[in-house]
Amino acid sequence: MNKKIKIICTLGPSSLNREFLRFSKGKISLLRLNMSHLSLDSLEKSIKFIKKHTRIPICIDTEGAQIRTKVKREKILKFGQKILIANSRENMNLYPETVHEQIRTNDILNVGFHNLKLKVIKKTDKILCKVLSSGKLENNKGVHIENRQIRLNYLTKKDLGAIRIGEKFGIKNYALSFTNSPKDIIKFNNLLKNKNKIFKIETLRAIKNFKAILKKGTNFLIDRGDLSKDVKIENIPIVQRRLFKLKKNFRNKKIFVTTNLLESMLESSYPNRGEANDVYNSLEMGAEGLVLAAETAIGKYPKDAVIFLSKMINVFKKNNY
């Protein structure tokens, strides 16, 4: 047996160019466009550009059921500082705007990946928060409510617009972010019949429902970044192994892995030993493919990241097949 292990790359400022797309031929199986960082106009332009320079298939990755920040300027927030969440360009805002209705006093908001935590201390038509843990406030970063769960639509209006654009250009691959339940899969399947779909596992709800979720879909992606907001980072390796173990009971199901695979290659032309070990471990668990995110979207060495991942896959195959 010599199965094809796929490399999926996220396109961004570092890689959405003719040189990278031509380099990718024969190395990359799928080119990911992340709607969390693209407008509908830029999506259409990106698809046209990609199709002009390569025949590698495109995957539109939805925003899904996630809260995100909207801020005009990045800033460092200090412990004890107060900040207003309001529908104003001068303040922090949340997206989608309908989430404002669900925020309550005493909610704890975990913002981005720099340990920033806010506590809601007063809510009127605006939301006043106090900083519990200092950190950087950045635009378009994920917000996780720590103390309880809230319900969001499984797709945003922008996602539906992206799907319409995808249909216009004959895109056959789509990813559903923040898949939480079998119902999400059923709805996405009904919306995109006869399309290839990847369901992203990145919440505690998805972990708890994974056995039922496996029955409804075929392709799954463990996104360890957002998952680490719901699961303590020291438990991520355990969760990853449990998901692969569950998958063994289902034939023809595929799991991909992403986030921090080659994080050091954002700045360095070569990864570190821990990253090499992580990649090999994921392949050994049974990963059908690996997804480069920031490494190829904004990293300084997108081609080197792809080359190294290809080397790791070849080493794994040589020693296991």
Protein backbone atom coordinates (compact mmCIF):
# COMPACT_ATOMS: atom_id res chain seq x y z
CA MET A 1 0.00 0.00 0.00
CA ASN A 2 1.37 3.42 -0.95
CA LYS A 3 -1.44 5.85 -0.23
CA LYS A 4 -1.35 9.48 -1.28
CA ILE A 5 -0.78 11.78 1.69
CA LYS A 6 -2.02 15.21 0.73
CA ILE A 7 -0.51 18.61 1.37
CA ILE A 8 -3.06 21.42 1.53
CA CYS A 9 -1.81 25.02 1.51
CA THR A 10 -3.54 28.17 2.65
CA LEU A 11 -2.98 31.04 0.24
CA GLY A 12 -2.28 34.56 1.42
CA PRO A 13 0.06 37.49 0.80
CA SER A 14 3.12 35.19 0.83
CA SER A 15 1.81 32.66 -1.66
CA LEU A 16 -0.91 34.16 -3.83
CA ASN A 17 1.50 34.83 -6.66
CA ARG A 18 2.45 33.24 -9.96
CA GLU A 19 5.82 31.92 -8.72
CA PHE A 20 4.34 29.95 -5.81
CA LEU A 21 1.43 28.60 -7.84
CA ARG A 22 3.76 27.29 -10.55
CA PHE A 23 6.08 25.82 -7.91
CA SER A 24 3.10 24.01 -6.35
CA LYS A 25 2.38 21.77 -9.34
CA GLY A 26 2.77 18.12 -8.33
CA LYS A 27 3.45 19.03 -4.69
CA ILE A 28 0.16 20.46 -3.39
CA SER A 29 -3.22 18.72 -3.62
CA LEU A 30 -5.51 21.60 -2.66
CA LEU A 31 -5.27 25.38 -2.37
CA ARG A 32 -7.24 26.79 0.57
CA LEU A 33 -8.88 30.22 0.56
CA ASN A 34 -9.81 31.24 4.10
CA MET A 35 -12.97 33.36 4.24
CA SER A 36 -12.06 34.55 7.74
CA HIS A 37 -9.43 36.72 6.04
CA LEU A 38 -10.96 37.43 2.64
CA SER A 39 -13.69 39.76 1.41
CA LEU A 40 -16.09 38.52 -1.25
CA ASP A 41 -14.45 40.81 -3.81
CA SER A 42 -10.98 39.50 -3.03
CA LEU A 43 -12.28 35.91 -3.13
CA GLU A 44 -13.48 36.34 -6.70
CA LYS A 45 -10.23 38.02 -7.74
CA SER A 46 -8.20 35.28 -6.05
CA ILE A 47 -10.09 32.49 -7.80
CA LYS A 48 -9.60 34.15 -11.18
CA PHE A 49 -5.87 34.60 -10.52
CA ILE A 50 -5.37 31.00 -9.34
CA LYS A 51 -7.23 29.52 -12.28
CA LYS A 52 -5.10 31.57 -14.64
CA HIS A 53 -1.85 30.09 -13.31
CA THR A 54 -2.62 26.55 -12.11
CA ARG A 55 -5.07 23.66 -12.32
CA ILE A 56 -4.66 22.71 -8.67
CA PRO A 57 -8.15 22.52 -7.12
CA ILE A 58 -9.35 25.30 -4.83
CA CYS A 59 -11.08 24.88 -1.45
CA ILE A 60 -13.25 27.66 -0.02
CA ASP A 61 -13.01 27.52 3.78
CA THR A 62 -16.01 29.15 5.46
CA GLU A 63 -15.96 31.46 8.48
CA GLY A 64 -18.50 29.27 10.26
CA ALA A 65 -19.91 29.71 13.76
CA GLN A 66 -17.21 31.85 15.33
CA ILE A 67 -17.14 35.26 17.01
CA ARG A 68 -14.38 37.59 15.76
CA THR A 69 -13.03 40.99 16.76
CA LYS A 70 -13.38 44.12 14.69
CA VAL A 71 -10.94 46.84 15.71
CA LYS A 72 -9.42 49.75 13.82
CA ARG A 73 -5.99 49.62 15.49
CA GLU A 74 -4.04 46.94 17.33
CA LYS A 75 -3.33 47.74 20.96
CA ILE A 76 -1.97 46.17 24.13
CA LEU A 77 -4.58 45.96 26.88
CA LYS A 78 -3.33 45.87 30.46
CA PHE A 79 -4.80 44.11 33.51
CA GLY A 80 -7.60 46.15 35.07
CA GLN A 81 -8.09 48.37 32.02
CA LYS A 82 -11.64 48.90 30.76
CA ILE A 83 -12.73 48.65 27.14
CA LEU A 84 -16.04 49.28 25.41
CA ILE A 85 -17.54 46.92 22.85
CA ALA A 86 -19.82 49.02 20.67
CA ASN A 87 -20.88 49.40 17.07
CA SER A 88 -18.41 52.19 16.41
CA ARG A 89 -15.20 52.46 14.40
CA GLU A 90 -13.41 53.91 17.42
CA ASN A 91 -14.25 50.97 19.72
CA MET A 92 -13.86 47.24 19.68
CA ASN A 93 -16.75 45.47 17.97
CA LEU A 94 -17.74 41.84 17.55
CA TYR A 95 -18.67 39.95 14.38
CA PRO A 96 -21.27 38.77 13.55
CA GLU A 97 -23.12 41.71 15.10
CA THR A 98 -26.03 39.49 16.17
CA VAL A 99 -23.77 38.04 18.88
CA HIS A 100 -24.16 41.28 20.89
CA GLU A 101 -27.65 40.16 21.85
CA GLN A 102 -26.31 36.96 23.41
CA ILE A 103 -23.50 38.47 25.47
CA ARG A 104 -24.28 38.66 29.19
CA THR A 105 -22.84 40.37 32.25
CA ASN A 106 -20.03 38.25 33.81
CA ASP A 107 -19.18 36.51 30.51
CA ILE A 108 -15.45 35.83 30.11
CA LEU A 109 -14.16 36.55 26.60
CA ASN A 110 -10.92 34.83 25.56
CA VAL A 111 -9.59 36.88 22.64
CA GLY A 112 -7.03 35.77 20.04
CA PHE A 113 -3.90 33.80 20.90
CA HIS A 114 -2.06 36.27 23.17
CA ASN A 115 -3.79 35.35 26.45
CA LEU A 116 -6.10 38.38 26.38
CA LYS A 117 -9.16 37.86 28.59
CA LEU A 118 -12.02 40.27 29.16
CA LYS A 119 -14.88 40.13 31.65
CA VAL A 120 -18.22 41.77 30.84
CA ILE A 121 -19.02 44.04 33.79
CA LYS A 122 -21.95 46.01 32.35
CA LYS A 123 -24.28 45.62 29.39
CA THR A 124 -26.71 48.16 27.95
CA ASP A 125 -26.79 48.89 24.23
CA LYS A 126 -23.00 48.77 24.64
CA ILE A 127 -20.82 46.22 26.43
CA LEU A 128 -18.31 47.36 29.04
CA CYS A 129 -15.45 44.96 29.78
CA LYS A 130 -12.59 44.79 32.26
CA VAL A 131 -9.26 43.20 31.32
CA LEU A 132 -8.60 40.06 33.40
CA SER A 133 -5.43 39.06 31.59
CA SER A 134 -3.18 41.41 29.62
CA GLY A 135 -2.65 40.79 25.93
CA LYS A 136 -2.73 42.13 22.40
CA LEU A 137 -6.05 43.14 20.88
CA GLU A 138 -5.97 42.58 17.11
CA ASN A 139 -8.48 42.79 14.30
CA ASN A 140 -10.30 39.70 13.05
CA LYS A 141 -9.22 37.40 15.89
CA GLY A 142 -11.38 34.65 17.32
CA VAL A 143 -13.32 35.24 20.53
CA HIS A 144 -14.25 32.33 22.78
CA ILE A 145 -16.77 32.67 25.63
CA GLU A 146 -15.19 30.63 28.41
CA ASN A 147 -17.99 30.30 30.93
CA ARG A 148 -20.83 29.07 28.71
CA GLN A 149 -21.89 28.11 25.20
CA ILE A 150 -23.88 30.29 22.85
CA ARG A 151 -25.55 29.41 19.57
CA LEU A 152 -24.48 30.90 16.27
CA ASN A 153 -25.62 30.18 12.73
CA TYR A 154 -23.45 27.48 11.20
CA LEU A 155 -22.73 29.80 8.23
CA THR A 156 -22.46 33.59 7.98
CA LYS A 157 -24.00 35.77 5.26
CA LYS A 158 -20.51 36.15 3.85
CA ASP A 159 -20.12 32.35 3.71
CA LEU A 160 -23.30 32.07 1.65
CA GLY A 161 -21.97 34.78 -0.68
CA ALA A 162 -18.68 32.89 -0.98
CA ILE A 163 -20.51 29.70 -1.88
CA ARG A 164 -22.41 31.52 -4.62
CA ILE A 165 -19.09 32.77 -6.01
CA GLY A 166 -17.69 29.25 -5.74
CA GLU A 167 -20.60 27.87 -7.74
CA LYS A 168 -20.08 30.56 -10.37
CA PHE A 169 -16.48 29.42 -10.88
CA GLY A 170 -17.11 25.69 -10.56
CA ILE A 171 -15.35 25.23 -7.21
CA LYS A 172 -15.82 21.65 -6.01
CA ASN A 173 -14.22 21.76 -2.54
CA TYR A 174 -15.55 23.46 0.59
CA ALA A 175 -14.68 23.35 4.30
CA LEU A 176 -17.12 23.97 7.14
CA SER A 177 -15.47 25.74 10.05
CA PHE A 178 -16.64 25.05 13.60
CA THR A 179 -18.61 21.93 12.81
CA ASN A 180 -20.36 21.17 16.09
CA SER A 181 -22.94 18.48 15.45
CA PRO A 182 -24.29 15.98 12.91
CA LYS A 183 -27.00 18.56 12.09
CA ASP A 184 -24.33 20.98 10.84
CA ILE A 185 -23.03 18.29 8.50
CA ILE A 186 -26.48 17.40 7.20
CA LYS A 187 -27.26 21.06 6.45
CA PHE A 188 -23.91 21.62 4.72
CA ASN A 189 -24.30 18.41 2.70
CA ASN A 190 -27.77 19.48 1.57
CA LEU A 191 -26.50 22.93 0.63
CA LEU A 192 -23.54 21.58 -1.36
CA LYS A 193 -24.69 18.36 -2.95
CA ASN A 194 -22.14 16.57 -5.17
CA LYS A 195 -19.30 18.68 -3.75
CA ASN A 196 -16.25 17.58 -1.75
CA LYS A 197 -16.57 18.74 1.83
CA ILE A 198 -14.17 18.93 4.78
CA PHE A 199 -15.61 19.30 8.28
CA LYS A 200 -13.36 21.12 10.72
CA ILE A 201 -13.13 19.85 14.29
CA GLU A 202 -12.16 22.78 16.51
CA THR A 203 -14.56 22.91 19.48
CA LEU A 204 -15.28 20.87 22.61
CA ARG A 205 -18.80 20.24 21.30
CA ALA A 206 -17.34 18.66 18.17
CA ILE A 207 -15.07 16.43 20.27
CA LYS A 208 -18.01 15.24 22.37
CA ASN A 209 -20.11 14.61 19.25
CA PHE A 210 -17.30 13.17 17.13
CA LYS A 211 -18.58 9.61 16.91
CA ALA A 212 -21.96 10.84 15.64
CA ILE A 213 -20.24 13.39 13.38
CA LEU A 214 -18.09 10.67 11.80
CA LYS A 215 -21.20 8.88 10.59
CA LYS A 216 -22.41 11.87 8.58
CA GLY A 217 -19.24 13.08 6.86
CA THR A 218 -16.17 11.70 5.10
CA ASN A 219 -13.37 14.25 5.44
CA PHE A 220 -12.43 15.89 8.73
CA LEU A 221 -9.79 18.42 9.75
CA ILE A 222 -8.45 18.72 13.31
CA ASP A 223 -7.76 22.44 13.68
CA ARG A 224 -5.64 22.54 16.80
CA GLY A 225 -5.52 26.33 16.97
CA ASP A 226 -9.12 27.16 17.76
CA LEU A 227 -9.50 23.79 19.49
CA SER A 228 -6.95 24.95 22.07
CA LYS A 229 -9.47 27.60 23.19
CA ASP A 230 -11.86 24.84 24.30
CA VAL A 231 -9.30 22.20 25.28
CA LYS A 232 -6.23 22.98 27.39
CA ILE A 233 -3.17 22.98 25.18
CA GLU A 234 -1.51 20.19 27.19
CA ASN A 235 -4.49 17.97 26.34
CA ILE A 236 -4.43 18.59 22.58
CA PRO A 237 -2.14 15.57 21.90
CA ILE A 238 -4.51 13.32 23.86
CA VAL A 239 -7.57 14.61 22.00
CA GLN A 240 -5.86 14.20 18.63
CA ARG A 241 -5.03 10.58 19.41
CA ARG A 242 -8.56 9.85 20.64
CA LEU A 243 -10.08 11.21 17.42
CA PHE A 244 -7.82 9.05 15.27
CA LYS A 245 -8.63 6.03 17.43
CA LEU A 246 -12.36 6.62 16.94
CA LYS A 247 -11.86 6.98 13.20
CA LYS A 248 -10.37 3.47 12.95
CA ASN A 249 -13.84 2.06 13.55
CA PHE A 250 -15.18 3.77 10.42
CA ARG A 251 -14.05 2.75 6.96
CA ASN A 252 -13.26 5.34 4.28
CA LYS A 253 -13.15 8.26 6.72
CA LYS A 254 -10.24 10.68 6.44
CA ILE A 255 -8.68 13.01 8.99
CA PHE A 256 -6.33 15.90 8.21
CA VAL A 257 -4.31 17.90 10.75
CA THR A 258 -3.45 21.61 10.89
CA THR A 259 -2.09 24.46 13.04
CA ASN A 260 1.49 25.05 14.14
CA LEU A 261 2.87 22.17 12.08
CA LEU A 262 5.84 24.32 11.01
CA GLU A 263 5.19 27.49 13.00
CA SER A 264 8.86 28.44 13.27
CA MET A 265 8.97 28.69 9.47
CA LEU A 266 7.02 31.92 9.67
CA GLU A 267 10.43 33.45 10.32
CA SER A 268 12.97 30.68 9.67
CA SER A 269 13.84 28.80 6.48
CA TYR A 270 14.02 25.52 8.42
CA PRO A 271 11.78 24.03 11.13
CA ASN A 272 12.78 22.81 14.56
CA ARG A 273 13.03 19.25 15.84
CA GLY A 274 9.80 19.42 17.82
CA GLU A 275 7.87 20.35 14.69
CA ALA A 276 9.43 17.48 12.73
CA ASN A 277 8.38 15.11 15.52
CA ASP A 278 4.83 16.54 15.58
CA VAL A 279 4.44 16.08 11.82
CA TYR A 280 5.71 12.50 11.98
CA ASN A 281 3.45 11.67 14.93
CA SER A 282 0.41 13.00 13.07
CA LEU A 283 1.26 10.85 10.05
CA GLU A 284 1.82 7.84 12.28
CA MET A 285 -1.64 8.33 13.82
CA GLY A 286 -3.13 8.05 10.36
CA ALA A 287 -3.41 11.58 8.97
CA GLU A 288 -4.51 11.52 5.33
CA GLY A 289 -3.06 14.96 4.83
CA LEU A 290 -1.47 17.99 6.45
CA VAL A 291 -2.63 21.59 6.12
CA LEU A 292 -0.22 24.50 6.14
CA ALA A 293 -1.95 27.66 7.34
CA ALA A 294 0.08 30.72 8.40
CA GLU A 295 3.24 29.01 7.14
CA THR A 296 2.21 29.55 3.53
CA ALA A 297 -0.30 32.39 3.95
CA ILE A 298 1.94 34.92 5.70
CA GLY A 299 5.21 33.09 6.40
CA LYS A 300 8.53 34.22 4.93
CA TYR A 301 9.35 30.79 3.48
CA PRO A 302 6.19 29.23 1.97
CA LYS A 303 8.05 27.13 -0.61
CA ASP A 304 10.53 25.81 1.97
CA ALA A 305 7.61 24.80 4.22
CA VAL A 306 6.07 22.75 1.41
CA ILE A 307 9.42 21.18 0.54
CA PHE A 308 10.07 20.16 4.15
CA LEU A 309 6.59 18.70 4.57
CA SER A 310 7.15 16.67 1.38
CA LYS A 311 10.43 15.37 2.83
CA MET A 312 8.71 14.32 6.06
CA ILE A 313 6.00 12.48 4.13
CA ASN A 314 8.65 10.66 2.09
CA VAL A 315 10.56 9.66 5.26
CA PHE A 316 7.32 8.40 6.81
CA LYS A 317 6.41 6.35 3.73
CA LYS A 318 9.90 4.87 3.47
CA ASN A 319 9.70 3.61 7.04
CA ASN A 320 6.06 2.49 7.13
CA TYR A 321 5.04 1.10 3.74
